[in-house]
Amino acid sequence: METMSAQESKATLSELGARVRAWRARRGMTRKALASDSGLSERFLADVESGKGNVSINSLEAAARALNI
């Protein structure tokens, strides 16, 4: 089984963050509203959207549920 390189991992997190930001924007949600609806902190969401946060499946699921996706 191959592992991702650090560069590939960074690119994946950046893409994920861009998608979360786009989904949130399409729904007209602020980061504060998404934080409230998902139970995740605004700081964590800011890190995710900027590609800095390493997201667990549980956190991703909480954000997806709050975004109705």
C-alpha atoms as a PDB file:
ATOM      1  CA  MET A   1       0.000   0.000   0.000  1.00  0.00           C
ATOM      2  CA  GLU A   2       1.427   3.362  -1.038  1.00  0.00           C
ATOM      3  CA  THR A   3       1.339   6.322   1.299  1.00  0.00           C
ATOM      4  CA  MET A   4       0.763   9.901   0.251  1.00  0.00           C
ATOM      5  CA  SER A   5       3.724  12.234   0.120  1.00  0.00           C
ATOM      6  CA  ALA A   6       3.641  15.369   2.248  1.00  0.00           C
ATOM      7  CA  GLN A   7       3.057  17.410  -0.911  1.00  0.00           C
ATOM      8  CA  GLU A   8       0.122  15.219  -1.975  1.00  0.00           C
ATOM      9  CA  SER A   9      -1.363  15.404   1.504  1.00  0.00           C
ATOM     10  CA  LYS A  10      -1.093  19.202   1.537  1.00  0.00           C
ATOM     11  CA  ALA A  11      -2.754  19.397  -1.888  1.00  0.00           C
ATOM     12  CA  THR A  12      -5.594  17.148  -0.699  1.00  0.00           C
ATOM     13  CA  LEU A  13      -6.197  19.264   2.409  1.00  0.00           C
ATOM     14  CA  SER A  14      -6.138  22.453   0.313  1.00  0.00           C
ATOM     15  CA  GLU A  15      -8.700  21.015  -2.104  1.00  0.00           C
ATOM     16  CA  LEU A  16     -10.914  19.828   0.733  1.00  0.00           C
ATOM     17  CA  GLY A  17     -10.753  23.254   2.366  1.00  0.00           C
ATOM     18  CA  ALA A  18     -11.697  24.976  -0.878  1.00  0.00           C
ATOM     19  CA  ARG A  19     -14.689  22.673  -1.265  1.00  0.00           C
ATOM     20  CA  VAL A  20     -15.897  23.264   2.291  1.00  0.00           C
ATOM     21  CA  ARG A  21     -15.591  27.031   1.760  1.00  0.00           C
ATOM     22  CA  ALA A  22     -17.470  26.811  -1.569  1.00  0.00           C
ATOM     23  CA  TRP A  23     -20.273  24.651  -0.099  1.00  0.00           C
ATOM     24  CA  ARG A  24     -20.616  27.063   2.807  1.00  0.00           C
ATOM     25  CA  ALA A  25     -20.721  30.070   0.485  1.00  0.00           C
ATOM     26  CA  ARG A  26     -23.313  28.461  -1.810  1.00  0.00           C
ATOM     27  CA  ARG A  27     -25.563  27.977   1.182  1.00  0.00           C
ATOM     28  CA  GLY A  28     -25.039  31.565   2.314  1.00  0.00           C
ATOM     29  CA  MET A  29     -23.629  30.414   5.655  1.00  0.00           C
ATOM     30  CA  THR A  30     -21.094  32.257   7.723  1.00  0.00           C
ATOM     31  CA  ARG A  31     -18.313  30.297   9.335  1.00  0.00           C
ATOM     32  CA  LYS A  32     -19.918  31.132  12.677  1.00  0.00           C
ATOM     33  CA  ALA A  33     -23.235  29.586  11.565  1.00  0.00           C
ATOM     34  CA  LEU A  34     -21.486  26.464  10.276  1.00  0.00           C
ATOM     35  CA  ALA A  35     -19.580  26.185  13.559  1.00  0.00           C
ATOM     36  CA  SER A  36     -22.801  26.455  15.530  1.00  0.00           C
ATOM     37  CA  ASP A  37     -24.681  23.958  13.354  1.00  0.00           C
ATOM     38  CA  SER A  38     -21.840  21.426  13.210  1.00  0.00           C
ATOM     39  CA  GLY A  39     -20.470  21.676  16.745  1.00  0.00           C
ATOM     40  CA  LEU A  40     -17.016  22.476  15.360  1.00  0.00           C
ATOM     41  CA  SER A  41     -15.095  25.594  16.351  1.00  0.00           C
ATOM     42  CA  GLU A  42     -14.762  28.580  14.028  1.00  0.00           C
ATOM     43  CA  ARG A  43     -10.958  28.356  14.390  1.00  0.00           C
ATOM     44  CA  PHE A  44     -11.000  24.700  13.337  1.00  0.00           C
ATOM     45  CA  LEU A  45     -13.183  25.516  10.312  1.00  0.00           C
ATOM     46  CA  ALA A  46     -10.878  28.408   9.385  1.00  0.00           C
ATOM     47  CA  ASP A  47      -7.918  26.016   9.501  1.00  0.00           C
ATOM     48  CA  VAL A  48      -9.786  23.457   7.383  1.00  0.00           C
ATOM     49  CA  GLU A  49     -10.824  26.067   4.799  1.00  0.00           C
ATOM     50  CA  SER A  50      -7.251  27.320   4.534  1.00  0.00           C
ATOM     51  CA  GLY A  51      -5.901  23.788   4.084  1.00  0.00           C
ATOM     52  CA  LYS A  52      -4.091  23.824   7.428  1.00  0.00           C
ATOM     53  CA  GLY A  53      -6.394  21.580   9.418  1.00  0.00           C
ATOM     54  CA  ASN A  54      -6.125  17.822   9.356  1.00  0.00           C
ATOM     55  CA  VAL A  55      -9.725  16.667   9.298  1.00  0.00           C
ATOM     56  CA  SER A  56     -11.054  13.519  10.921  1.00  0.00           C
ATOM     57  CA  ILE A  57     -13.879  11.643   9.283  1.00  0.00           C
ATOM     58  CA  ASN A  58     -16.121  12.549  12.235  1.00  0.00           C
ATOM     59  CA  SER A  59     -15.411  16.271  11.843  1.00  0.00           C
ATOM     60  CA  LEU A  60     -15.966  16.089   8.107  1.00  0.00           C
ATOM     61  CA  GLU A  61     -19.257  14.285   8.667  1.00  0.00           C
ATOM     62  CA  ALA A  62     -20.404  16.936  11.177  1.00  0.00           C
ATOM     63  CA  ALA A  63     -19.649  19.725   8.689  1.00  0.00           C
ATOM     64  CA  ALA A  64     -21.352  17.839   5.845  1.00  0.00           C
ATOM     65  CA  ARG A  65     -24.496  17.281   7.912  1.00  0.00           C
ATOM     66  CA  ALA A  66     -24.623  20.974   8.849  1.00  0.00           C
ATOM     67  CA  LEU A  67     -24.265  21.877   5.156  1.00  0.00           C
ATOM     68  CA  ASN A  68     -26.934  19.323   4.173  1.00  0.00           C
ATOM     69  CA  ILE A  69     -24.582  17.476   1.820  1.00  0.00           C
END
